[in-house]
N, C-alpha and C. Protein backbone atom coordinates (compact mmCIF):
# COMPACT_ATOMS: atom_id res chain seq x y z
N MET A 1 3.03 8.02 -15.08
CA MET A 1 2.41 6.74 -14.74
C MET A 1 2.95 6.24 -13.41
N THR A 2 2.06 5.78 -12.56
CA THR A 2 2.44 5.23 -11.26
C THR A 2 2.93 3.81 -11.46
N HIS A 3 4.08 3.51 -10.87
CA HIS A 3 4.64 2.19 -11.02
C HIS A 3 5.03 1.65 -9.65
N VAL A 4 4.08 0.99 -9.00
CA VAL A 4 4.32 0.40 -7.68
C VAL A 4 4.91 -0.99 -7.90
N ILE A 5 6.00 -1.25 -7.22
CA ILE A 5 6.71 -2.52 -7.37
C ILE A 5 6.62 -3.31 -6.08
N ASP A 6 6.32 -4.59 -6.21
CA ASP A 6 6.34 -5.50 -5.07
C ASP A 6 7.77 -6.01 -4.92
N ASN A 7 8.34 -5.81 -3.75
CA ASN A 7 9.69 -6.30 -3.46
C ASN A 7 9.56 -7.36 -2.37
N PRO A 8 9.24 -8.61 -2.75
CA PRO A 8 9.00 -9.64 -1.75
C PRO A 8 10.22 -9.94 -0.88
N ALA A 9 11.42 -9.70 -1.37
CA ALA A 9 12.63 -9.96 -0.58
C ALA A 9 12.67 -9.08 0.67
N THR A 10 12.10 -7.87 0.57
CA THR A 10 12.07 -6.96 1.72
C THR A 10 10.69 -6.89 2.35
N GLY A 11 9.71 -7.55 1.76
CA GLY A 11 8.35 -7.53 2.28
C GLY A 11 7.72 -6.15 2.20
N ARG A 12 7.92 -5.49 1.05
CA ARG A 12 7.30 -4.17 0.91
C ARG A 12 7.00 -3.84 -0.54
N PHE A 13 5.98 -3.01 -0.69
CA PHE A 13 5.68 -2.41 -1.97
C PHE A 13 6.41 -1.07 -2.01
N GLU A 14 6.95 -0.72 -3.17
CA GLU A 14 7.73 0.50 -3.28
C GLU A 14 7.27 1.34 -4.46
N LEU A 15 7.35 2.65 -4.27
CA LEU A 15 7.04 3.61 -5.32
C LEU A 15 8.11 4.68 -5.28
N VAL A 16 8.83 4.83 -6.38
CA VAL A 16 9.89 5.84 -6.47
C VAL A 16 9.36 7.04 -7.22
N GLU A 17 9.43 8.19 -6.59
CA GLU A 17 9.06 9.47 -7.20
C GLU A 17 10.12 10.49 -6.83
N GLN A 18 10.55 11.28 -7.76
CA GLN A 18 11.56 12.31 -7.55
C GLN A 18 12.83 11.72 -6.93
N GLY A 19 13.13 10.48 -7.28
CA GLY A 19 14.33 9.83 -6.78
C GLY A 19 14.22 9.34 -5.34
N LEU A 20 13.05 9.45 -4.73
CA LEU A 20 12.83 9.02 -3.36
C LEU A 20 11.85 7.85 -3.33
N THR A 21 11.99 6.99 -2.34
CA THR A 21 11.16 5.79 -2.27
C THR A 21 10.15 5.86 -1.12
N ALA A 22 8.89 5.75 -1.47
CA ALA A 22 7.82 5.53 -0.49
C ALA A 22 7.58 4.03 -0.47
N TYR A 23 7.18 3.51 0.69
CA TYR A 23 6.97 2.07 0.75
C TYR A 23 5.89 1.69 1.74
N ALA A 24 5.37 0.49 1.54
CA ALA A 24 4.39 -0.11 2.44
C ALA A 24 4.91 -1.48 2.85
N ASP A 25 5.23 -1.62 4.12
CA ASP A 25 5.67 -2.92 4.65
C ASP A 25 4.46 -3.84 4.77
N TYR A 26 4.62 -5.09 4.38
CA TYR A 26 3.51 -6.03 4.47
C TYR A 26 3.98 -7.42 4.83
N ARG A 27 3.01 -8.21 5.30
CA ARG A 27 3.21 -9.64 5.54
C ARG A 27 2.04 -10.36 4.89
N LEU A 28 2.29 -11.59 4.46
CA LEU A 28 1.24 -12.36 3.80
C LEU A 28 0.84 -13.57 4.64
N THR A 29 -0.44 -13.88 4.61
CA THR A 29 -0.95 -15.15 5.08
C THR A 29 -1.59 -15.77 3.84
N PRO A 30 -2.11 -16.98 3.92
CA PRO A 30 -2.69 -17.57 2.71
C PRO A 30 -3.80 -16.75 2.06
N ASP A 31 -4.55 -15.98 2.86
CA ASP A 31 -5.67 -15.24 2.27
C ASP A 31 -5.65 -13.74 2.56
N ARG A 32 -4.55 -13.25 3.13
CA ARG A 32 -4.54 -11.88 3.61
C ARG A 32 -3.19 -11.20 3.42
N MET A 33 -3.26 -9.90 3.17
CA MET A 33 -2.08 -9.05 3.14
C MET A 33 -2.20 -8.10 4.33
N ILE A 34 -1.27 -8.19 5.24
CA ILE A 34 -1.29 -7.35 6.44
C ILE A 34 -0.34 -6.17 6.18
N ILE A 35 -0.89 -4.96 6.20
CA ILE A 35 -0.08 -3.76 5.97
C ILE A 35 0.36 -3.24 7.34
N ASP A 36 1.65 -3.38 7.62
CA ASP A 36 2.19 -2.98 8.91
C ASP A 36 2.51 -1.49 8.98
N TYR A 37 3.00 -0.92 7.89
CA TYR A 37 3.51 0.44 7.96
C TYR A 37 3.60 1.02 6.56
N VAL A 38 3.17 2.26 6.41
CA VAL A 38 3.33 2.99 5.15
C VAL A 38 4.20 4.20 5.43
N PHE A 39 5.23 4.38 4.61
CA PHE A 39 6.18 5.48 4.79
C PHE A 39 6.32 6.27 3.50
N SER A 40 6.31 7.58 3.65
CA SER A 40 6.58 8.47 2.53
C SER A 40 7.64 9.48 2.98
N PRO A 41 8.71 9.64 2.20
CA PRO A 41 9.73 10.62 2.59
C PRO A 41 9.12 12.02 2.74
N THR A 42 9.67 12.80 3.64
CA THR A 42 9.16 14.14 3.93
C THR A 42 8.96 14.97 2.67
N ALA A 43 9.89 14.90 1.75
CA ALA A 43 9.81 15.72 0.52
C ALA A 43 8.62 15.34 -0.36
N LEU A 44 8.08 14.14 -0.18
CA LEU A 44 6.96 13.68 -1.01
C LEU A 44 5.61 13.81 -0.31
N ARG A 45 5.63 14.15 0.96
CA ARG A 45 4.37 14.23 1.72
C ARG A 45 3.51 15.38 1.22
N GLY A 46 2.22 15.11 1.15
CA GLY A 46 1.28 16.11 0.68
C GLY A 46 1.14 16.16 -0.84
N ALA A 47 1.89 15.30 -1.53
CA ALA A 47 1.87 15.28 -3.00
C ALA A 47 1.07 14.11 -3.56
N GLY A 48 0.49 13.30 -2.68
CA GLY A 48 -0.30 12.16 -3.13
C GLY A 48 0.48 10.89 -3.36
N THR A 49 1.77 10.91 -3.03
CA THR A 49 2.61 9.73 -3.27
C THR A 49 2.10 8.51 -2.50
N ALA A 50 1.83 8.69 -1.21
CA ALA A 50 1.37 7.54 -0.40
C ALA A 50 0.03 7.02 -0.91
N GLY A 51 -0.81 7.89 -1.40
CA GLY A 51 -2.09 7.47 -1.97
C GLY A 51 -1.89 6.65 -3.24
N ARG A 52 -0.96 7.07 -4.09
CA ARG A 52 -0.67 6.29 -5.29
C ARG A 52 -0.07 4.94 -4.92
N LEU A 53 0.74 4.93 -3.88
CA LEU A 53 1.31 3.68 -3.39
C LEU A 53 0.19 2.75 -2.92
N MET A 54 -0.73 3.28 -2.12
CA MET A 54 -1.84 2.46 -1.63
C MET A 54 -2.72 1.96 -2.77
N GLN A 55 -2.89 2.75 -3.79
CA GLN A 55 -3.66 2.30 -4.96
C GLN A 55 -3.00 1.07 -5.56
N GLY A 56 -1.68 1.11 -5.69
CA GLY A 56 -0.95 -0.05 -6.21
C GLY A 56 -1.06 -1.26 -5.30
N VAL A 57 -1.03 -1.03 -3.99
CA VAL A 57 -1.17 -2.13 -3.03
C VAL A 57 -2.54 -2.78 -3.18
N THR A 58 -3.59 -1.97 -3.29
CA THR A 58 -4.94 -2.55 -3.42
C THR A 58 -5.09 -3.29 -4.74
N GLU A 59 -4.49 -2.78 -5.80
CA GLU A 59 -4.55 -3.48 -7.09
C GLU A 59 -3.86 -4.84 -6.99
N ALA A 60 -2.72 -4.89 -6.30
CA ALA A 60 -2.00 -6.15 -6.13
C ALA A 60 -2.82 -7.13 -5.29
N ALA A 61 -3.43 -6.64 -4.22
CA ALA A 61 -4.25 -7.51 -3.37
C ALA A 61 -5.42 -8.08 -4.16
N ARG A 62 -6.06 -7.22 -4.93
CA ARG A 62 -7.21 -7.67 -5.74
C ARG A 62 -6.75 -8.72 -6.76
N ALA A 63 -5.63 -8.48 -7.42
CA ALA A 63 -5.13 -9.41 -8.44
C ALA A 63 -4.78 -10.76 -7.83
N ARG A 64 -4.37 -10.77 -6.56
CA ARG A 64 -3.99 -12.01 -5.88
C ARG A 64 -5.13 -12.61 -5.07
N ASN A 65 -6.31 -11.98 -5.15
CA ASN A 65 -7.48 -12.44 -4.40
C ASN A 65 -7.21 -12.49 -2.90
N LEU A 66 -6.56 -11.43 -2.39
CA LEU A 66 -6.24 -11.33 -0.97
C LEU A 66 -7.06 -10.22 -0.32
N LYS A 67 -7.40 -10.40 0.93
CA LYS A 67 -7.99 -9.34 1.75
C LYS A 67 -6.85 -8.53 2.34
N ILE A 68 -7.14 -7.31 2.77
CA ILE A 68 -6.14 -6.44 3.38
C ILE A 68 -6.52 -6.18 4.83
N THR A 69 -5.56 -6.37 5.72
CA THR A 69 -5.71 -5.99 7.12
C THR A 69 -4.73 -4.85 7.38
N PRO A 70 -5.24 -3.63 7.51
CA PRO A 70 -4.34 -2.49 7.72
C PRO A 70 -4.04 -2.27 9.20
N LEU A 71 -2.80 -2.51 9.61
CA LEU A 71 -2.39 -2.21 10.97
C LEU A 71 -1.89 -0.77 11.05
N CYS A 72 -1.41 -0.26 9.96
CA CYS A 72 -0.93 1.12 9.86
C CYS A 72 -2.13 2.08 9.82
N GLY A 73 -2.06 3.13 10.62
CA GLY A 73 -3.14 4.10 10.67
C GLY A 73 -3.39 4.77 9.33
N TYR A 74 -2.32 5.10 8.60
CA TYR A 74 -2.50 5.74 7.29
C TYR A 74 -3.22 4.79 6.34
N ALA A 75 -2.77 3.53 6.30
CA ALA A 75 -3.39 2.56 5.39
C ALA A 75 -4.88 2.40 5.72
N ALA A 76 -5.20 2.31 7.02
CA ALA A 76 -6.60 2.15 7.42
C ALA A 76 -7.42 3.37 7.01
N ALA A 77 -6.88 4.56 7.22
CA ALA A 77 -7.60 5.79 6.85
C ALA A 77 -7.78 5.88 5.34
N TRP A 78 -6.75 5.52 4.58
CA TRP A 78 -6.84 5.59 3.12
C TRP A 78 -7.93 4.64 2.62
N LEU A 79 -7.95 3.43 3.16
CA LEU A 79 -8.96 2.46 2.74
C LEU A 79 -10.36 2.95 3.07
N LYS A 80 -10.55 3.59 4.22
CA LYS A 80 -11.87 4.12 4.59
C LYS A 80 -12.30 5.24 3.64
N ARG A 81 -11.34 6.03 3.17
CA ARG A 81 -11.66 7.14 2.26
C ARG A 81 -11.95 6.66 0.84
N HIS A 82 -11.70 5.40 0.56
CA HIS A 82 -11.90 4.84 -0.78
C HIS A 82 -12.88 3.67 -0.70
N PRO A 83 -14.18 3.98 -0.74
CA PRO A 83 -15.19 2.93 -0.57
C PRO A 83 -15.11 1.83 -1.63
N GLU A 84 -14.49 2.11 -2.77
CA GLU A 84 -14.35 1.08 -3.80
C GLU A 84 -13.43 -0.05 -3.36
N THR A 85 -12.71 0.14 -2.24
CA THR A 85 -11.84 -0.91 -1.73
C THR A 85 -12.44 -1.65 -0.53
N ALA A 86 -13.67 -1.31 -0.16
CA ALA A 86 -14.29 -1.88 1.05
C ALA A 86 -14.33 -3.40 1.01
N ASP A 87 -14.49 -3.99 -0.17
CA ASP A 87 -14.55 -5.44 -0.27
C ASP A 87 -13.21 -6.11 0.03
N LEU A 88 -12.13 -5.34 0.04
CA LEU A 88 -10.80 -5.89 0.30
C LEU A 88 -10.44 -5.92 1.79
N VAL A 89 -11.12 -5.08 2.57
CA VAL A 89 -10.73 -4.90 3.96
C VAL A 89 -11.26 -6.03 4.84
N ALA A 90 -10.35 -6.62 5.60
CA ALA A 90 -10.74 -7.70 6.52
C ALA A 90 -9.98 -7.58 7.82
């Protein structure tokens, strides 16, 4: 089971897999979540970890009624590949 955790003290969503942490740095405005950077450790790349992280980020944005502004290239590309999230992108 994927368990993405919001860590507001550090301004990032985190996903731990195989003892390593992938994360998405974010900032909030009243109506928007700005994704600045998505990072996945080298050992987790190509395994879908960052995608599972982004799924958790979109679920959190939807639950909070926030739009997402992806400044990170990976986040923007992931959102484009998932048309079910198009309503979240602003």
